[in-house]
């Protein structure tokens, strides 16, 4: 009986296997365009902003500290947070540069 079923069609449901993966592929596509791609774009803009930071820029750090860049190096910046008070911090912790407009944004 089972041999007759295989002999008639010649396959074991190969088409149904591909059809079961279509919803999974669609879900991945939705996640990519709604979550992954915008996050990558935001990270690229943040890296460009940190790269464009210069002495005298008013910044806000990731911890919420407002200050002005006094000195800048490849990885370390000196931020003046009050008169005569400077802190040394990692450059990647710049969250925002006040008044910064990235290239290609409106």
PDB file of N, CA and C in Angstrom:
ATOM      1  N   UNK A   1       0.813  -1.191   0.000  1.00  0.00           N
ATOM      2  CA  UNK A   1       0.000   0.000   0.000  1.00  0.00           C
ATOM      3  C   UNK A   1       0.865   1.267   0.000  1.00  0.00           C
ATOM      4  N   UNK A   2       1.839   1.323   0.901  1.00  0.00           N
ATOM      5  CA  UNK A   2       2.725   2.480   0.971  1.00  0.00           C
ATOM      6  C   UNK A   2       3.577   2.557  -0.292  1.00  0.00           C
ATOM      7  N   UNK A   3       4.007   1.389  -0.785  1.00  0.00           N
ATOM      8  CA  UNK A   3       4.811   1.369  -1.992  1.00  0.00           C
ATOM      9  C   UNK A   3       4.036   1.908  -3.175  1.00  0.00           C
ATOM     10  N   UNK A   4       2.741   1.660  -3.220  1.00  0.00           N
ATOM     11  CA  UNK A   4       1.907   2.149  -4.311  1.00  0.00           C
ATOM     12  C   UNK A   4       1.805   3.671  -4.264  1.00  0.00           C
ATOM     13  N   UNK A   5       1.720   4.263  -3.060  1.00  0.00           N
ATOM     14  CA  UNK A   5       1.616   5.713  -2.919  1.00  0.00           C
ATOM     15  C   UNK A   5       2.892   6.381  -3.419  1.00  0.00           C
ATOM     16  N   UNK A   6       4.036   5.810  -3.108  1.00  0.00           N
ATOM     17  CA  UNK A   6       5.298   6.373  -3.596  1.00  0.00           C
ATOM     18  C   UNK A   6       5.448   6.180  -5.101  1.00  0.00           C
ATOM     19  N   UNK A   7       4.997   5.065  -5.588  1.00  0.00           N
ATOM     20  CA  UNK A   7       5.150   4.763  -7.003  1.00  0.00           C
ATOM     21  C   UNK A   7       4.283   5.679  -7.869  1.00  0.00           C
ATOM     22  N   UNK A   8       3.119   6.061  -7.387  1.00  0.00           N
ATOM     23  CA  UNK A   8       2.216   6.896  -8.172  1.00  0.00           C
ATOM     24  C   UNK A   8       2.755   8.314  -8.332  1.00  0.00           C
ATOM     25  N   UNK A   9       3.191   8.922  -7.255  1.00  0.00           N
ATOM     26  CA  UNK A   9       3.612  10.335  -7.284  1.00  0.00           C
ATOM     27  C   UNK A   9       5.105  10.473  -7.539  1.00  0.00           C
ATOM     28  N   UNK A  10       5.892   9.635  -6.918  1.00  0.00           N
ATOM     29  CA  UNK A  10       7.332   9.707  -7.094  1.00  0.00           C
ATOM     30  C   UNK A  10       8.006  10.674  -6.118  1.00  0.00           C
ATOM     31  N   UNK A  11       7.251  11.368  -5.285  1.00  0.00           N
ATOM     32  CA  UNK A  11       7.838  12.309  -4.319  1.00  0.00           C
ATOM     33  C   UNK A  11       7.220  12.084  -2.955  1.00  0.00           C
ATOM     34  N   UNK A  12       7.841  12.692  -1.949  1.00  0.00           N
ATOM     35  CA  UNK A  12       7.368  12.537  -0.580  1.00  0.00           C
ATOM     36  C   UNK A  12       6.931  13.891  -0.040  1.00  0.00           C
ATOM     37  N   UNK A  13       6.210  14.689  -0.766  1.00  0.00           N
ATOM     38  CA  UNK A  13       5.719  15.979  -0.275  1.00  0.00           C
ATOM     39  C   UNK A  13       6.775  17.053  -0.290  1.00  0.00           C
ATOM     40  N   UNK A  14       7.616  17.114  -1.290  1.00  0.00           N
ATOM     41  CA  UNK A  14       8.675  18.106  -1.379  1.00  0.00           C
ATOM     42  C   UNK A  14       8.136  19.517  -1.531  1.00  0.00           C
ATOM     43  N   UNK A  15       7.028  19.734  -2.202  1.00  0.00           N
ATOM     44  CA  UNK A  15       6.447  21.055  -2.404  1.00  0.00           C
ATOM     45  C   UNK A  15       5.882  21.647  -1.130  1.00  0.00           C
ATOM     46  N   UNK A  16       5.349  20.823  -0.269  1.00  0.00           N
ATOM     47  CA  UNK A  16       4.765  21.314   0.977  1.00  0.00           C
ATOM     48  C   UNK A  16       5.843  21.840   1.925  1.00  0.00           C
ATOM     49  N   UNK A  17       7.046  21.307   1.856  1.00  0.00           N
ATOM     50  CA  UNK A  17       8.133  21.756   2.720  1.00  0.00           C
ATOM     51  C   UNK A  17       8.538  23.183   2.424  1.00  0.00           C
ATOM     52  N   UNK A  18       8.609  23.555   1.152  1.00  0.00           N
ATOM     53  CA  UNK A  18       8.969  24.909   0.770  1.00  0.00           C
ATOM     54  C   UNK A  18       7.865  25.897   1.149  1.00  0.00           C
ATOM     55  N   UNK A  19       6.637  25.483   0.981  1.00  0.00           N
ATOM     56  CA  UNK A  19       5.511  26.364   1.310  1.00  0.00           C
ATOM     57  C   UNK A  19       5.450  26.666   2.807  1.00  0.00           C
ATOM     58  N   UNK A  20       5.943  25.762   3.633  1.00  0.00           N
ATOM     59  CA  UNK A  20       5.922  26.005   5.077  1.00  0.00           C
ATOM     60  C   UNK A  20       6.972  27.035   5.495  1.00  0.00           C
ATOM     61  N   UNK A  21       8.001  27.265   4.669  1.00  0.00           N
ATOM     62  CA  UNK A  21       9.034  28.238   4.993  1.00  0.00           C
ATOM     63  C   UNK A  21       8.702  29.655   4.519  1.00  0.00           C
ATOM     64  N   UNK A  22       7.722  29.802   3.657  1.00  0.00           N
ATOM     65  CA  UNK A  22       7.365  31.128   3.136  1.00  0.00           C
ATOM     66  C   UNK A  22       6.952  32.092   4.250  1.00  0.00           C
ATOM     67  N   UNK A  23       6.098  31.708   5.214  1.00  0.00           N
ATOM     68  CA  UNK A  23       5.780  32.651   6.303  1.00  0.00           C
ATOM     69  C   UNK A  23       7.007  33.044   7.122  1.00  0.00           C
ATOM     70  N   UNK A  24       7.917  32.115   7.328  1.00  0.00           N
ATOM     71  CA  UNK A  24       9.138  32.413   8.075  1.00  0.00           C
ATOM     72  C   UNK A  24       9.994  33.421   7.322  1.00  0.00           C
ATOM     73  N   UNK A  25      10.092  33.273   6.013  1.00  0.00           N
ATOM     74  CA  UNK A  25      10.855  34.205   5.186  1.00  0.00           C
ATOM     75  C   UNK A  25      10.202  35.585   5.205  1.00  0.00           C
ATOM     76  N   UNK A  26       8.889  35.630   5.137  1.00  0.00           N
ATOM     77  CA  UNK A  26       8.171  36.912   5.182  1.00  0.00           C
ATOM     78  C   UNK A  26       8.362  37.610   6.528  1.00  0.00           C
ATOM     79  N   UNK A  27       8.326  36.855   7.607  1.00  0.00           N
ATOM     80  CA  UNK A  27       8.534  37.439   8.936  1.00  0.00           C
ATOM     81  C   UNK A  27       9.936  38.026   9.038  1.00  0.00           C
ATOM     82  N   UNK A  28      10.942  37.301   8.522  1.00  0.00           N
ATOM     83  CA  UNK A  28      12.306  37.818   8.550  1.00  0.00           C
ATOM     84  C   UNK A  28      12.417  39.092   7.726  1.00  0.00           C
ATOM     85  N   UNK A  29      11.760  39.141   6.565  1.00  0.00           N
ATOM     86  CA  UNK A  29      11.804  40.337   5.727  1.00  0.00           C
ATOM     87  C   UNK A  29      11.181  41.533   6.446  1.00  0.00           C
ATOM     88  N   UNK A  30      10.078  41.321   7.129  1.00  0.00           N
ATOM     89  CA  UNK A  30       9.433  42.404   7.875  1.00  0.00           C
ATOM     90  C   UNK A  30      10.348  42.892   8.996  1.00  0.00           C
ATOM     91  N   UNK A  31      10.956  41.969   9.745  1.00  0.00           N
ATOM     92  CA  UNK A  31      11.884  42.352  10.806  1.00  0.00           C
ATOM     93  C   UNK A  31      13.062  43.135  10.250  1.00  0.00           C
ATOM     94  N   UNK A  32      13.574  42.714   9.103  1.00  0.00           N
ATOM     95  CA  UNK A  32      14.713  43.405   8.520  1.00  0.00           C
ATOM     96  C   UNK A  32      14.358  44.844   8.171  1.00  0.00           C
ATOM     97  N   UNK A  33      13.243  45.052   7.476  1.00  0.00           N
ATOM     98  CA  UNK A  33      12.905  46.397   7.018  1.00  0.00           C
ATOM     99  C   UNK A  33      12.337  47.288   8.118  1.00  0.00           C
ATOM    100  N   UNK A  34      11.759  46.721   9.163  1.00  0.00           N
ATOM    101  CA  UNK A  34      11.187  47.543  10.230  1.00  0.00           C
ATOM    102  C   UNK A  34      12.102  47.708  11.439  1.00  0.00           C
ATOM    103  N   UNK A  35      13.018  46.782  11.653  1.00  0.00           N
ATOM    104  CA  UNK A  35      13.858  46.858  12.853  1.00  0.00           C
ATOM    105  C   UNK A  35      15.350  46.933  12.553  1.00  0.00           C
ATOM    106  N   UNK A  36      15.861  46.015  11.789  1.00  0.00           N
ATOM    107  CA  UNK A  36      17.308  45.908  11.606  1.00  0.00           C
ATOM    108  C   UNK A  36      17.859  47.048  10.756  1.00  0.00           C
ATOM    109  N   UNK A  37      17.263  47.293   9.617  1.00  0.00           N
ATOM    110  CA  UNK A  37      17.777  48.325   8.702  1.00  0.00           C
ATOM    111  C   UNK A  37      17.744  49.729   9.311  1.00  0.00           C
ATOM    112  N   UNK A  38      16.630  50.160   9.935  1.00  0.00           N
ATOM    113  CA  UNK A  38      16.657  51.492  10.560  1.00  0.00           C
ATOM    114  C   UNK A  38      17.684  51.606  11.688  1.00  0.00           C
ATOM    115  N   UNK A  39      17.880  50.526  12.443  1.00  0.00           N
ATOM    116  CA  UNK A  39      18.872  50.550  13.523  1.00  0.00           C
ATOM    117  C   UNK A  39      20.272  50.713  12.956  1.00  0.00           C
ATOM    118  N   UNK A  40      20.580  50.030  11.853  1.00  0.00           N
ATOM    119  CA  UNK A  40      21.894  50.168  11.225  1.00  0.00           C
ATOM    120  C   UNK A  40      22.108  51.583  10.713  1.00  0.00           C
ATOM    121  N   UNK A  41      21.069  52.191  10.162  1.00  0.00           N
ATOM    122  CA  UNK A  41      21.169  53.565   9.664  1.00  0.00           C
ATOM    123  C   UNK A  41      21.424  54.535  10.823  1.00  0.00           C
ATOM    124  N   UNK A  42      20.736  54.329  11.936  1.00  0.00           N
ATOM    125  CA  UNK A  42      20.918  55.180  13.110  1.00  0.00           C
ATOM    126  C   UNK A  42      22.337  55.044  13.662  1.00  0.00           C
ATOM    127  N   UNK A  43      22.864  53.834  13.696  1.00  0.00           N
ATOM    128  CA  UNK A  43      24.228  53.624  14.169  1.00  0.00           C
ATOM    129  C   UNK A  43      25.241  54.302  13.257  1.00  0.00           C
ATOM    130  N   UNK A  44      25.005  54.252  11.967  1.00  0.00           N
ATOM    131  CA  UNK A  44      25.910  54.895  11.008  1.00  0.00           C
ATOM    132  C   UNK A  44      25.909  56.408  11.224  1.00  0.00           C
ATOM    133  N   UNK A  45      24.734  57.006  11.423  1.00  0.00           N
ATOM    134  CA  UNK A  45      24.648  58.445  11.673  1.00  0.00           C
ATOM    135  C   UNK A  45      25.341  58.824  12.981  1.00  0.00           C
ATOM    136  N   UNK A  46      25.205  57.987  14.017  1.00  0.00           N
ATOM    137  CA  UNK A  46      25.851  58.263  15.306  1.00  0.00           C
ATOM    138  C   UNK A  46      27.367  58.203  15.174  1.00  0.00           C
ATOM    139  N   UNK A  47      27.882  57.185  14.452  1.00  0.00           N
ATOM    140  CA  UNK A  47      29.330  57.103  14.237  1.00  0.00           C
ATOM    141  C   UNK A  47      29.847  58.334  13.510  1.00  0.00           C
ATOM    142  N   UNK A  48      29.097  58.817  12.514  1.00  0.00           N
ATOM    143  CA  UNK A  48      29.509  60.006  11.767  1.00  0.00           C
ATOM    144  C   UNK A  48      29.505  61.238  12.666  1.00  0.00           C
ATOM    145  N   UNK A  49      28.484  61.353  13.531  1.00  0.00           N
ATOM    146  CA  UNK A  49      28.401  62.490  14.446  1.00  0.00           C
ATOM    147  C   UNK A  49      29.603  62.494  15.400  1.00  0.00           C
ATOM    148  N   UNK A  50      29.928  61.339  15.966  1.00  0.00           N
ATOM    149  CA  UNK A  50      31.061  61.247  16.895  1.00  0.00           C
ATOM    150  C   UNK A  50      32.361  61.567  16.165  1.00  0.00           C
ATOM    151  N   UNK A  51      32.473  61.124  14.932  1.00  0.00           N
ATOM    152  CA  UNK A  51      33.666  61.410  14.138  1.00  0.00           C
ATOM    153  C   UNK A  51      33.797  62.908  13.857  1.00  0.00           C
ATOM    154  N   UNK A  52      32.673  63.606  13.650  1.00  0.00           N
ATOM    155  CA  UNK A  52      32.677  65.030  13.332  1.00  0.00           C
ATOM    156  C   UNK A  52      32.797  65.934  14.559  1.00  0.00           C
ATOM    157  N   UNK A  53      32.817  65.372  15.761  1.00  0.00           N
ATOM    158  CA  UNK A  53      32.913  66.182  16.976  1.00  0.00           C
ATOM    159  C   UNK A  53      34.222  66.965  16.977  1.00  0.00           C
ATOM    160  N   UNK A  54      34.146  68.214  17.454  1.00  0.00           N
ATOM    161  CA  UNK A  54      35.338  69.058  17.490  1.00  0.00           C
ATOM    162  C   UNK A  54      35.331  69.898  18.759  1.00  0.00           C
ATOM    163  N   UNK A  55      36.465  70.525  19.027  1.00  0.00           N
ATOM    164  CA  UNK A  55      36.619  71.354  20.214  1.00  0.00           C
ATOM    165  C   UNK A  55      35.615  72.509  20.175  1.00  0.00           C
ATOM    166  N   UNK A  56      34.966  72.764  21.314  1.00  0.00           N
ATOM    167  CA  UNK A  56      34.005  73.855  21.422  1.00  0.00           C
ATOM    168  C   UNK A  56      32.556  73.427  21.220  1.00  0.00           C
ATOM    169  N   UNK A  57      32.314  72.184  20.776  1.00  0.00           N
ATOM    170  CA  UNK A  57      30.942  71.707  20.590  1.00  0.00           C
ATOM    171  C   UNK A  57      30.267  71.492  21.937  1.00  0.00           C
ATOM    172  N   UNK A  58      29.009  71.915  22.032  1.00  0.00           N
ATOM    173  CA  UNK A  58      28.189  71.614  23.210  1.00  0.00           C
ATOM    174  C   UNK A  58      27.597  70.239  23.007  1.00  0.00           C
ATOM    175  N   UNK A  59      27.808  69.364  23.993  1.00  0.00           N
ATOM    176  CA  UNK A  59      27.369  67.978  23.861  1.00  0.00           C
ATOM    177  C   UNK A  59      26.511  67.547  25.037  1.00  0.00           C
ATOM    178  N   UNK A  60      25.822  66.435  24.843  1.00  0.00           N
ATOM    179  CA  UNK A  60      25.138  65.722  25.911  1.00  0.00           C
ATOM    180  C   UNK A  60      25.666  64.302  25.860  1.00  0.00           C
ATOM    181  N   UNK A  61      26.113  63.784  26.998  1.00  0.00           N
ATOM    182  CA  UNK A  61      26.662  62.432  27.031  1.00  0.00           C
ATOM    183  C   UNK A  61      25.550  61.411  27.215  1.00  0.00           C
ATOM    184  N   UNK A  62      25.907  60.146  27.090  1.00  0.00           N
ATOM    185  CA  UNK A  62      24.941  59.061  27.258  1.00  0.00           C
ATOM    186  C   UNK A  62      24.368  59.035  28.671  1.00  0.00           C
ATOM    187  N   UNK A  63      25.111  59.557  29.645  1.00  0.00           N
ATOM    188  CA  UNK A  63      24.617  59.581  31.028  1.00  0.00           C
ATOM    189  C   UNK A  63      23.838  60.855  31.338  1.00  0.00           C
ATOM    190  N   UNK A  64      23.717  61.752  30.345  1.00  0.00           N
ATOM    191  CA  UNK A  64      22.919  62.956  30.539  1.00  0.00           C
ATOM    192  C   UNK A  64      23.704  64.169  30.983  1.00  0.00           C
ATOM    193  N   UNK A  65      25.021  64.109  30.990  1.00  0.00           N
ATOM    194  CA  UNK A  65      25.850  65.238  31.397  1.00  0.00           C
ATOM    195  C   UNK A  65      25.982  66.209  30.230  1.00  0.00           C
ATOM    196  N   UNK A  66      25.704  67.484  30.479  1.00  0.00           N
ATOM    197  CA  UNK A  66      25.849  68.526  29.472  1.00  0.00           C
ATOM    198  C   UNK A  66      27.200  69.196  29.664  1.00  0.00           C
ATOM    199  N   UNK A  67      27.893  69.453  28.567  1.00  0.00           N
ATOM    200  CA  UNK A  67      29.194  70.105  28.671  1.00  0.00           C
ATOM    201  C   UNK A  67      29.704  70.557  27.321  1.00  0.00           C
ATOM    202  N   UNK A  68      30.920  71.074  27.342  1.00  0.00           N
ATOM    203  CA  UNK A  68      31.579  71.566  26.136  1.00  0.00           C
ATOM    204  C   UNK A  68      32.893  70.813  25.962  1.00  0.00           C
ATOM    205  N   UNK A  69      33.168  70.402  24.733  1.00  0.00           N
ATOM    206  CA  UNK A  69      34.413  69.682  24.458  1.00  0.00           C
ATOM    207  C   UNK A  69      35.570  70.664  24.540  1.00  0.00           C
ATOM    208  N   UNK A  70      36.549  70.355  25.400  1.00  0.00           N
ATOM    209  CA  UNK A  70      37.733  71.195  25.562  1.00  0.00           C
ATOM    210  C   UNK A  70      38.926  70.628  24.811  1.00  0.00           C
ATOM    211  N   UNK A  71      39.043  69.328  24.779  1.00  0.00           N
ATOM    212  CA  UNK A  71      40.135  68.664  24.053  1.00  0.00           C
ATOM    213  C   UNK A  71      39.587  67.348  23.515  1.00  0.00           C
ATOM    214  N   UNK A  72      40.124  66.952  22.377  1.00  0.00           N
ATOM    215  CA  UNK A  72      39.617  65.730  21.754  1.00  0.00           C
ATOM    216  C   UNK A  72      40.773  64.936  21.190  1.00  0.00           C
ATOM    217  N   UNK A  73      40.710  63.632  21.378  1.00  0.00           N
ATOM    218  CA  UNK A  73      41.730  62.713  20.894  1.00  0.00           C
ATOM    219  C   UNK A  73      41.012  61.625  20.089  1.00  0.00           C
ATOM    220  N   UNK A  74      41.744  60.589  19.684  1.00  0.00           N
ATOM    221  CA  UNK A  74      41.114  59.518  18.911  1.00  0.00           C
ATOM    222  C   UNK A  74      39.998  58.831  19.691  1.00  0.00           C
ATOM    223  N   UNK A  75      40.229  58.549  20.960  1.00  0.00           N
ATOM    224  CA  UNK A  75      39.246  57.828  21.763  1.00  0.00           C
ATOM    225  C   UNK A  75      38.767  58.593  22.989  1.00  0.00           C
ATOM    226  N   UNK A  76      39.499  59.587  23.435  1.00  0.00           N
ATOM    227  CA  UNK A  76      39.194  60.258  24.694  1.00  0.00           C
ATOM    228  C   UNK A  76      38.909  61.736  24.437  1.00  0.00           C
ATOM    229  N   UNK A  77      37.926  62.262  25.165  1.00  0.00           N
ATOM    230  CA  UNK A  77      37.633  63.700  25.102  1.00  0.00           C
ATOM    231  C   UNK A  77      37.661  64.266  26.513  1.00  0.00           C
ATOM    232  N   UNK A  78      38.003  65.548  26.607  1.00  0.00           N
ATOM    233  CA  UNK A  78      37.905  66.272  27.869  1.00  0.00           C
ATOM    234  C   UNK A  78      36.693  67.182  27.749  1.00  0.00           C
ATOM    235  N   UNK A  79      35.776  67.045  28.679  1.00  0.00           N
ATOM    236  CA  UNK A  79      34.531  67.805  28.643  1.00  0.00           C
ATOM    237  C   UNK A  79      34.477  68.720  29.854  1.00  0.00           C
ATOM    238  N   UNK A  80      34.268  70.009  29.610  1.00  0.00           N
ATOM    239  CA  UNK A  80      34.104  70.953  30.707  1.00  0.00           C
ATOM    240  C   UNK A  80      32.624  70.979  31.057  1.00  0.00           C
ATOM    241  N   UNK A  81      32.323  70.629  32.332  1.00  0.00           N
ATOM    242  CA  UNK A  81      30.932  70.571  32.753  1.00  0.00           C
ATOM    243  C   UNK A  81      30.548  71.768  33.620  1.00  0.00           C
ATOM    244  N   UNK A  82      31.541  72.463  34.139  1.00  0.00           N
ATOM    245  CA  UNK A  82      31.330  73.691  34.909  1.00  0.00           C
ATOM    246  C   UNK A  82      32.650  74.462  34.862  1.00  0.00           C
ATOM    247  N   UNK A  83      32.644  75.705  35.332  1.00  0.00           N
ATOM    248  CA  UNK A  83      33.866  76.504  35.312  1.00  0.00           C
ATOM    249  C   UNK A  83      34.968  75.808  36.098  1.00  0.00           C
ATOM    250  N   UNK A  84      36.048  75.465  35.390  1.00  0.00           N
ATOM    251  CA  UNK A  84      37.191  74.832  36.038  1.00  0.00           C
ATOM    252  C   UNK A  84      37.034  73.348  36.314  1.00  0.00           C
ATOM    253  N   UNK A  85      35.929  72.751  35.934  1.00  0.00           N
ATOM    254  CA  UNK A  85      35.717  71.318  36.187  1.00  0.00           C
ATOM    255  C   UNK A  85      35.648  70.601  34.845  1.00  0.00           C
ATOM    256  N   UNK A  86      36.636  69.722  34.634  1.00  0.00           N
ATOM    257  CA  UNK A  86      36.678  68.948  33.404  1.00  0.00           C
ATOM    258  C   UNK A  86      36.680  67.462  33.730  1.00  0.00           C
ATOM    259  N   UNK A  87      36.043  66.707  32.874  1.00  0.00           N
ATOM    260  CA  UNK A  87      36.057  65.252  33.033  1.00  0.00           C
ATOM    261  C   UNK A  87      36.601  64.630  31.752  1.00  0.00           C
ATOM    262  N   UNK A  88      37.274  63.516  31.925  1.00  0.00           N
ATOM    263  CA  UNK A  88      37.796  62.767  30.788  1.00  0.00           C
ATOM    264  C   UNK A  88      36.831  61.614  30.541  1.00  0.00           C
ATOM    265  N   UNK A  89      36.443  61.443  29.283  1.00  0.00           N
ATOM    266  CA  UNK A  89      35.517  60.364  28.986  1.00  0.00           C
ATOM    267  C   UNK A  89      35.780  59.785  27.608  1.00  0.00           C
ATOM    268  N   UNK A  90      35.222  58.634  27.373  1.00  0.00           N
ATOM    269  CA  UNK A  90      35.359  57.961  26.091  1.00  0.00           C
ATOM    270  C   UNK A  90      34.531  58.688  25.037  1.00  0.00           C
ATOM    271  N   UNK A  91      35.087  58.826  23.871  1.00  0.00           N
ATOM    272  CA  UNK A  91      34.437  59.576  22.789  1.00  0.00           C
ATOM    273  C   UNK A  91      33.098  58.954  22.373  1.00  0.00           C
ATOM    274  N   UNK A  92      32.994  57.640  22.477  1.00  0.00           N
ATOM    275  CA  UNK A  92      31.775  56.963  22.036  1.00  0.00           C
ATOM    276  C   UNK A  92      30.562  57.272  22.918  1.00  0.00           C
ATOM    277  N   UNK A  93      30.770  57.891  24.078  1.00  0.00           N
ATOM    278  CA  UNK A  93      29.657  58.214  24.966  1.00  0.00           C
ATOM    279  C   UNK A  93      28.990  59.542  24.631  1.00  0.00           C
ATOM    280  N   UNK A  94      29.404  60.171  23.547  1.00  0.00           N
ATOM    281  CA  UNK A  94      28.697  61.366  23.091  1.00  0.00           C
ATOM    282  C   UNK A  94      27.344  60.914  22.556  1.00  0.00           C
ATOM    283  N   UNK A  95      26.296  61.382  23.175  1.00  0.00           N
ATOM    284  CA  UNK A  95      24.949  61.008  22.744  1.00  0.00           C
ATOM    285  C   UNK A  95      24.417  61.981  21.699  1.00  0.00           C
ATOM    286  N   UNK A  96      24.717  63.270  21.898  1.00  0.00           N
ATOM    287  CA  UNK A  96      24.170  64.282  21.015  1.00  0.00           C
ATOM    288  C   UNK A  96      25.094  65.491  21.001  1.00  0.00           C
ATOM    289  N   UNK A  97      25.255  66.085  19.835  1.00  0.00           N
ATOM    290  CA  UNK A  97      25.946  67.365  19.722  1.00  0.00           C
ATOM    291  C   UNK A  97      24.870  68.386  19.412  1.00  0.00           C
ATOM    292  N   UNK A  98      24.755  69.380  20.263  1.00  0.00           N
ATOM    293  CA  UNK A  98      23.694  70.376  20.084  1.00  0.00           C
ATOM    294  C   UNK A  98      23.884  71.122  18.770  1.00  0.00           C
ATOM    295  N   UNK A  99      22.834  71.173  17.975  1.00  0.00           N
ATOM    296  CA  UNK A  99      22.881  71.877  16.705  1.00  0.00           C
ATOM    297  C   UNK A  99      23.517  71.089  15.579  1.00  0.00           C
ATOM    298  N   UNK A 100      23.818  69.811  15.796  1.00  0.00           N
ATOM    299  CA  UNK A 100      24.482  68.999  14.767  1.00  0.00           C
ATOM    300  C   UNK A 100      23.469  68.553  13.725  1.00  0.00           C
ATOM    301  N   UNK A 101      23.814  68.748  12.479  1.00  0.00           N
ATOM    302  CA  UNK A 101      23.009  68.257  11.358  1.00  0.00           C
ATOM    303  C   UNK A 101      23.886  67.335  10.541  1.00  0.00           C
ATOM    304  N   UNK A 102      23.524  66.074  10.458  1.00  0.00           N
ATOM    305  CA  UNK A 102      24.292  65.121   9.668  1.00  0.00           C
ATOM    306  C   UNK A 102      24.064  65.368   8.182  1.00  0.00           C
ATOM    307  N   UNK A 103      25.029  65.005   7.384  1.00  0.00           N
ATOM    308  CA  UNK A 103      24.894  65.134   5.960  1.00  0.00           C
ATOM    309  C   UNK A 103      23.757  64.226   5.480  1.00  0.00           C
ATOM    310  N   UNK A 104      22.913  64.743   4.645  1.00  0.00           N
ATOM    311  CA  UNK A 104      21.811  63.964   4.108  1.00  0.00           C
ATOM    312  C   UNK A 104      20.546  64.008   4.941  1.00  0.00           C
ATOM    313  N   UNK A 105      20.566  64.716   6.081  1.00  0.00           N
ATOM    314  CA  UNK A 105      19.352  64.843   6.888  1.00  0.00           C
ATOM    315  C   UNK A 105      18.768  66.227   6.685  1.00  0.00           C
ATOM    316  N   UNK A 106      17.519  66.358   7.043  1.00  0.00           N
ATOM    317  CA  UNK A 106      16.831  67.642   6.862  1.00  0.00           C
ATOM    318  C   UNK A 106      16.630  68.349   8.171  1.00  0.00           C
TER     319      UNK A 106
END
